[in-house]
Amino acid sequence: MIVVFKHFFYSNYVGLSFWPFIILKHDALKEDAVLINHEKIHLRQQIELLILPFYIIYVTEWLLRSLWYLNFYRGYQNISFEQEAYHNEHDMDYPKKRKIFGFIKYL
């Protein structure tokens, strides 16, 4: 389910997956197939980790990588979940064909 909530986002972030929703900054982003696919990959990651563990791992990895790079945005870019989603966002079939725990190869 896609919802638009423009006051939820910081800076240049435009989309977020929060099971079972894809939350977008602007209504026009519903037409951005690559962004929607990126967020669908995150929904698959959340399902396979039973939702709550996904968020715990995501935040922990973000904090650790931010400390490693001394930069919050670079830490975000290097989260394994984000690496998998960015690497495969142009493959519209990827959410259906991805292997379970596909993010592990990006650790």
C-alpha atoms as a PDB file:
ATOM      1  CA  MET A   1       0.000   0.000   0.000  1.00  0.00           C
ATOM      2  CA  ILE A   2       1.426   3.361  -1.053  1.00  0.00           C
ATOM      3  CA  VAL A   3       0.715   6.499   0.996  1.00  0.00           C
ATOM      4  CA  VAL A   4       1.916  10.077   0.639  1.00  0.00           C
ATOM      5  CA  PHE A   5       3.046  11.979   3.701  1.00  0.00           C
ATOM      6  CA  LYS A   6       5.203  14.931   2.680  1.00  0.00           C
ATOM      7  CA  HIS A   7       5.990  16.212   6.176  1.00  0.00           C
ATOM      8  CA  PHE A   8       7.629  12.958   7.227  1.00  0.00           C
ATOM      9  CA  PHE A   9      10.874  13.302   5.281  1.00  0.00           C
ATOM     10  CA  TYR A  10      14.158  14.971   5.976  1.00  0.00           C
ATOM     11  CA  SER A  11      16.136  16.729   3.251  1.00  0.00           C
ATOM     12  CA  ASN A  12      16.508  14.752   0.026  1.00  0.00           C
ATOM     13  CA  TYR A  13      14.838  11.522   1.188  1.00  0.00           C
ATOM     14  CA  VAL A  14      11.705  10.825  -0.834  1.00  0.00           C
ATOM     15  CA  GLY A  15      10.576   7.314   0.048  1.00  0.00           C
ATOM     16  CA  LEU A  16      10.457   4.860   2.914  1.00  0.00           C
ATOM     17  CA  SER A  17       9.184   1.347   3.464  1.00  0.00           C
ATOM     18  CA  PHE A  18       7.526   0.745   6.795  1.00  0.00           C
ATOM     19  CA  TRP A  19       5.738  -2.591   6.672  1.00  0.00           C
ATOM     20  CA  PRO A  20       3.200  -2.819   5.075  1.00  0.00           C
ATOM     21  CA  PHE A  21       3.395   0.690   3.617  1.00  0.00           C
ATOM     22  CA  ILE A  22       5.522   2.504   1.090  1.00  0.00           C
ATOM     23  CA  ILE A  23       5.515   6.123   2.231  1.00  0.00           C
ATOM     24  CA  LEU A  24       6.347   8.788  -0.348  1.00  0.00           C
ATOM     25  CA  LYS A  25       7.118  12.477  -0.047  1.00  0.00           C
ATOM     26  CA  HIS A  26       5.059  13.561  -3.087  1.00  0.00           C
ATOM     27  CA  ASP A  27       2.103  12.110  -4.953  1.00  0.00           C
ATOM     28  CA  ALA A  28       3.991  12.275  -8.277  1.00  0.00           C
ATOM     29  CA  LEU A  29       6.517   9.755  -6.942  1.00  0.00           C
ATOM     30  CA  LYS A  30       3.889   7.023  -7.304  1.00  0.00           C
ATOM     31  CA  GLU A  31       4.875   7.027 -10.995  1.00  0.00           C
ATOM     32  CA  ASP A  32       8.592   6.475 -10.267  1.00  0.00           C
ATOM     33  CA  ALA A  33       8.893   2.755 -10.997  1.00  0.00           C
ATOM     34  CA  VAL A  34      12.529   2.549  -9.856  1.00  0.00           C
ATOM     35  CA  LEU A  35      11.773   4.148  -6.487  1.00  0.00           C
ATOM     36  CA  ILE A  36       8.747   1.919  -5.941  1.00  0.00           C
ATOM     37  CA  ASN A  37      10.825  -1.135  -6.865  1.00  0.00           C
ATOM     38  CA  HIS A  38      13.559  -0.052  -4.421  1.00  0.00           C
ATOM     39  CA  GLU A  39      10.976   0.177  -1.655  1.00  0.00           C
ATOM     40  CA  LYS A  40       9.433  -3.180  -2.613  1.00  0.00           C
ATOM     41  CA  ILE A  41      12.867  -4.757  -2.128  1.00  0.00           C
ATOM     42  CA  HIS A  42      12.882  -3.318   1.399  1.00  0.00           C
ATOM     43  CA  LEU A  43       9.420  -4.764   2.046  1.00  0.00           C
ATOM     44  CA  ARG A  44      10.718  -8.211   1.056  1.00  0.00           C
ATOM     45  CA  GLN A  45      13.693  -7.761   3.393  1.00  0.00           C
ATOM     46  CA  GLN A  46      11.345  -6.796   6.216  1.00  0.00           C
ATOM     47  CA  ILE A  47       9.112  -9.826   5.669  1.00  0.00           C
ATOM     48  CA  GLU A  48      11.954 -12.332   5.642  1.00  0.00           C
ATOM     49  CA  LEU A  49      13.351 -10.923   8.905  1.00  0.00           C
ATOM     50  CA  LEU A  50       9.921 -10.893  10.549  1.00  0.00           C
ATOM     51  CA  ILE A  51       9.729  -7.086  10.473  1.00  0.00           C
ATOM     52  CA  LEU A  52      11.012  -5.979  13.902  1.00  0.00           C
ATOM     53  CA  PRO A  53      14.470  -7.621  13.586  1.00  0.00           C
ATOM     54  CA  PHE A  54      14.843  -5.833  10.234  1.00  0.00           C
ATOM     55  CA  TYR A  55      14.532  -2.443  11.912  1.00  0.00           C
ATOM     56  CA  ILE A  56      16.865  -3.396  14.753  1.00  0.00           C
ATOM     57  CA  ILE A  57      19.531  -4.640  12.324  1.00  0.00           C
ATOM     58  CA  TYR A  58      19.007  -1.651  10.010  1.00  0.00           C
ATOM     59  CA  VAL A  59      19.499   0.948  12.745  1.00  0.00           C
ATOM     60  CA  THR A  60      22.418  -0.947  14.314  1.00  0.00           C
ATOM     61  CA  GLU A  61      24.184  -1.309  10.973  1.00  0.00           C
ATOM     62  CA  TRP A  62      23.550   2.361  10.149  1.00  0.00           C
ATOM     63  CA  LEU A  63      25.045   3.498  13.464  1.00  0.00           C
ATOM     64  CA  LEU A  64      28.080   1.232  13.143  1.00  0.00           C
ATOM     65  CA  ARG A  65      28.754   2.210   9.548  1.00  0.00           C
ATOM     66  CA  SER A  66      28.250   5.895  10.374  1.00  0.00           C
ATOM     67  CA  LEU A  67      30.888   5.584  13.079  1.00  0.00           C
ATOM     68  CA  TRP A  68      33.165   3.737  10.677  1.00  0.00           C
ATOM     69  CA  TYR A  69      32.856   6.397   7.961  1.00  0.00           C
ATOM     70  CA  LEU A  70      32.376   9.312  10.397  1.00  0.00           C
ATOM     71  CA  ASN A  71      29.445  10.374   8.245  1.00  0.00           C
ATOM     72  CA  PHE A  72      25.750   9.550   8.710  1.00  0.00           C
ATOM     73  CA  TYR A  73      24.866   9.705   5.015  1.00  0.00           C
ATOM     74  CA  ARG A  74      27.777   7.494   4.020  1.00  0.00           C
ATOM     75  CA  GLY A  75      26.783   5.112   6.790  1.00  0.00           C
ATOM     76  CA  TYR A  76      23.277   4.976   5.296  1.00  0.00           C
ATOM     77  CA  GLN A  77      24.631   4.357   1.788  1.00  0.00           C
ATOM     78  CA  ASN A  78      26.628   1.369   3.040  1.00  0.00           C
ATOM     79  CA  ILE A  79      23.879  -0.440   4.950  1.00  0.00           C
ATOM     80  CA  SER A  80      23.607  -3.929   3.428  1.00  0.00           C
ATOM     81  CA  PHE A  81      19.845  -3.547   2.939  1.00  0.00           C
ATOM     82  CA  GLU A  82      20.362  -0.302   1.018  1.00  0.00           C
ATOM     83  CA  GLN A  83      23.222  -1.761  -1.019  1.00  0.00           C
ATOM     84  CA  GLU A  84      20.996  -4.624  -2.175  1.00  0.00           C
ATOM     85  CA  ALA A  85      18.089  -2.292  -2.969  1.00  0.00           C
ATOM     86  CA  TYR A  86      20.199   0.267  -4.865  1.00  0.00           C
ATOM     87  CA  HIS A  87      22.076  -2.430  -6.779  1.00  0.00           C
ATOM     88  CA  ASN A  88      18.847  -4.100  -7.964  1.00  0.00           C
ATOM     89  CA  GLU A  89      16.289  -1.273  -8.133  1.00  0.00           C
ATOM     90  CA  HIS A  90      16.312  -1.137 -11.959  1.00  0.00           C
ATOM     91  CA  ASP A  91      15.457  -4.843 -12.246  1.00  0.00           C
ATOM     92  CA  MET A  92      11.665  -4.766 -11.952  1.00  0.00           C
ATOM     93  CA  ASP A  93      11.506  -8.536 -11.461  1.00  0.00           C
ATOM     94  CA  TYR A  94      14.058  -8.588  -8.645  1.00  0.00           C
ATOM     95  CA  PRO A  95      11.590  -8.471  -5.710  1.00  0.00           C
ATOM     96  CA  LYS A  96       9.931 -11.629  -7.062  1.00  0.00           C
ATOM     97  CA  LYS A  97      13.081 -13.552  -7.945  1.00  0.00           C
ATOM     98  CA  ARG A  98      15.483 -12.491  -5.173  1.00  0.00           C
ATOM     99  CA  LYS A  99      16.916 -15.190  -3.013  1.00  0.00           C
ATOM    100  CA  ILE A 100      16.113 -15.189   0.675  1.00  0.00           C
ATOM    101  CA  PHE A 101      18.548 -13.087   2.709  1.00  0.00           C
ATOM    102  CA  GLY A 102      19.907 -11.551  -0.510  1.00  0.00           C
ATOM    103  CA  PHE A 103      21.245  -8.611   1.486  1.00  0.00           C
ATOM    104  CA  ILE A 104      23.901 -10.797   3.181  1.00  0.00           C
ATOM    105  CA  LYS A 105      26.281 -10.607   0.228  1.00  0.00           C
ATOM    106  CA  TYR A 106      26.418  -6.821   0.771  1.00  0.00           C
ATOM    107  CA  LEU A 107      27.622  -7.027   4.383  1.00  0.00           C
END
